[in-house]
Amino acid sequence: MLNKLRLRRQAETVMGHRLEEPRLTLVFVLWMFVYVGLPLLVISSVIDLLIQQITGNCTGFWCWF
């Protein structure tokens, strides 16, 4: 199955024009950061804040600064 993913498909054409192959774009990377990166950052910061308030020990990344 992995070999099928690695092999390039023949270029698709529409009315004689060759379509570009799908690729990662900067917009995709930015939207993935918005939908995945920011929520993870917020959730982990809230968990760190709760642990710090309950135990008095800072366990997160922000404690190094």
C-alpha atoms as a PDB file:
ATOM      1  CA  MET A   1       0.000   0.000   0.000  1.00  0.00           C
ATOM      2  CA  LEU A   2       2.823   2.410   0.786  1.00  0.00           C
ATOM      3  CA  ASN A   3       4.262   1.817  -2.664  1.00  0.00           C
ATOM      4  CA  LYS A   4       0.995   3.026  -4.194  1.00  0.00           C
ATOM      5  CA  LEU A   5       1.258   6.244  -2.209  1.00  0.00           C
ATOM      6  CA  ARG A   6       4.855   6.815  -3.279  1.00  0.00           C
ATOM      7  CA  LEU A   7       4.241   6.318  -6.978  1.00  0.00           C
ATOM      8  CA  ARG A   8       3.325   9.440  -8.880  1.00  0.00           C
ATOM      9  CA  ARG A   9       0.041   9.450 -10.684  1.00  0.00           C
ATOM     10  CA  GLN A  10      -0.163  10.557 -14.240  1.00  0.00           C
ATOM     11  CA  ALA A  11      -1.042  14.183 -14.645  1.00  0.00           C
ATOM     12  CA  GLU A  12      -4.769  14.773 -14.821  1.00  0.00           C
ATOM     13  CA  THR A  13      -6.044  16.944 -17.604  1.00  0.00           C
ATOM     14  CA  VAL A  14      -9.232  18.925 -18.054  1.00  0.00           C
ATOM     15  CA  MET A  15     -10.045  20.093 -21.563  1.00  0.00           C
ATOM     16  CA  GLY A  16      -6.407  19.646 -22.517  1.00  0.00           C
ATOM     17  CA  HIS A  17      -4.969  21.643 -19.582  1.00  0.00           C
ATOM     18  CA  ARG A  18      -2.723  19.832 -17.136  1.00  0.00           C
ATOM     19  CA  LEU A  19      -3.813  20.175 -13.500  1.00  0.00           C
ATOM     20  CA  GLU A  20      -1.221  20.859 -10.838  1.00  0.00           C
ATOM     21  CA  GLU A  21      -0.571  18.119  -8.317  1.00  0.00           C
ATOM     22  CA  PRO A  22      -1.888  18.728  -4.801  1.00  0.00           C
ATOM     23  CA  ARG A  23       0.730  20.119  -2.421  1.00  0.00           C
ATOM     24  CA  LEU A  24       1.023  21.647   1.012  1.00  0.00           C
ATOM     25  CA  THR A  25       0.692  25.402   0.954  1.00  0.00           C
ATOM     26  CA  LEU A  26       1.436  28.135   3.448  1.00  0.00           C
ATOM     27  CA  VAL A  27      -2.288  28.728   3.934  1.00  0.00           C
ATOM     28  CA  PHE A  28      -2.782  25.058   4.865  1.00  0.00           C
ATOM     29  CA  VAL A  29       0.056  25.233   7.383  1.00  0.00           C
ATOM     30  CA  LEU A  30      -1.390  28.403   8.937  1.00  0.00           C
ATOM     31  CA  TRP A  31      -4.890  26.904   9.223  1.00  0.00           C
ATOM     32  CA  MET A  32      -3.477  23.730  10.783  1.00  0.00           C
ATOM     33  CA  PHE A  33      -1.695  25.907  13.342  1.00  0.00           C
ATOM     34  CA  VAL A  34      -4.970  27.730  14.068  1.00  0.00           C
ATOM     35  CA  TYR A  35      -7.079  24.577  14.376  1.00  0.00           C
ATOM     36  CA  VAL A  36      -4.519  22.258  16.007  1.00  0.00           C
ATOM     37  CA  GLY A  37      -1.633  24.275  17.444  1.00  0.00           C
ATOM     38  CA  LEU A  38      -3.488  27.042  19.234  1.00  0.00           C
ATOM     39  CA  PRO A  39      -6.058  24.793  20.951  1.00  0.00           C
ATOM     40  CA  LEU A  40      -3.276  22.489  22.186  1.00  0.00           C
ATOM     41  CA  LEU A  41      -1.327  25.477  23.447  1.00  0.00           C
ATOM     42  CA  VAL A  42      -4.351  26.886  25.283  1.00  0.00           C
ATOM     43  CA  ILE A  43      -5.382  23.541  26.788  1.00  0.00           C
ATOM     44  CA  SER A  44      -1.867  22.724  27.969  1.00  0.00           C
ATOM     45  CA  SER A  45      -1.478  26.217  29.461  1.00  0.00           C
ATOM     46  CA  VAL A  46      -4.744  25.876  31.376  1.00  0.00           C
ATOM     47  CA  ILE A  47      -3.724  22.442  32.679  1.00  0.00           C
ATOM     48  CA  ASP A  48      -0.366  23.868  33.779  1.00  0.00           C
ATOM     49  CA  LEU A  49      -2.101  26.769  35.503  1.00  0.00           C
ATOM     50  CA  LEU A  50      -4.446  24.403  37.371  1.00  0.00           C
ATOM     51  CA  ILE A  51      -1.562  22.175  38.487  1.00  0.00           C
ATOM     52  CA  GLN A  52       0.399  25.223  39.614  1.00  0.00           C
ATOM     53  CA  GLN A  53      -2.568  26.580  41.594  1.00  0.00           C
ATOM     54  CA  ILE A  54      -3.278  23.220  43.249  1.00  0.00           C
ATOM     55  CA  THR A  55       0.248  22.007  44.034  1.00  0.00           C
ATOM     56  CA  GLY A  56       2.326  25.164  43.959  1.00  0.00           C
ATOM     57  CA  ASN A  57       4.758  23.559  41.472  1.00  0.00           C
ATOM     58  CA  CYS A  58       5.085  24.877  37.964  1.00  0.00           C
ATOM     59  CA  THR A  59       5.385  21.931  35.591  1.00  0.00           C
ATOM     60  CA  GLY A  60       5.046  23.565  32.189  1.00  0.00           C
ATOM     61  CA  PHE A  61       7.229  24.986  29.471  1.00  0.00           C
ATOM     62  CA  TRP A  62       6.568  28.556  30.621  1.00  0.00           C
ATOM     63  CA  CYS A  63       8.298  27.887  33.952  1.00  0.00           C
ATOM     64  CA  TRP A  64      11.716  27.883  32.289  1.00  0.00           C
ATOM     65  CA  PHE A  65      11.493  31.618  31.585  1.00  0.00           C
END
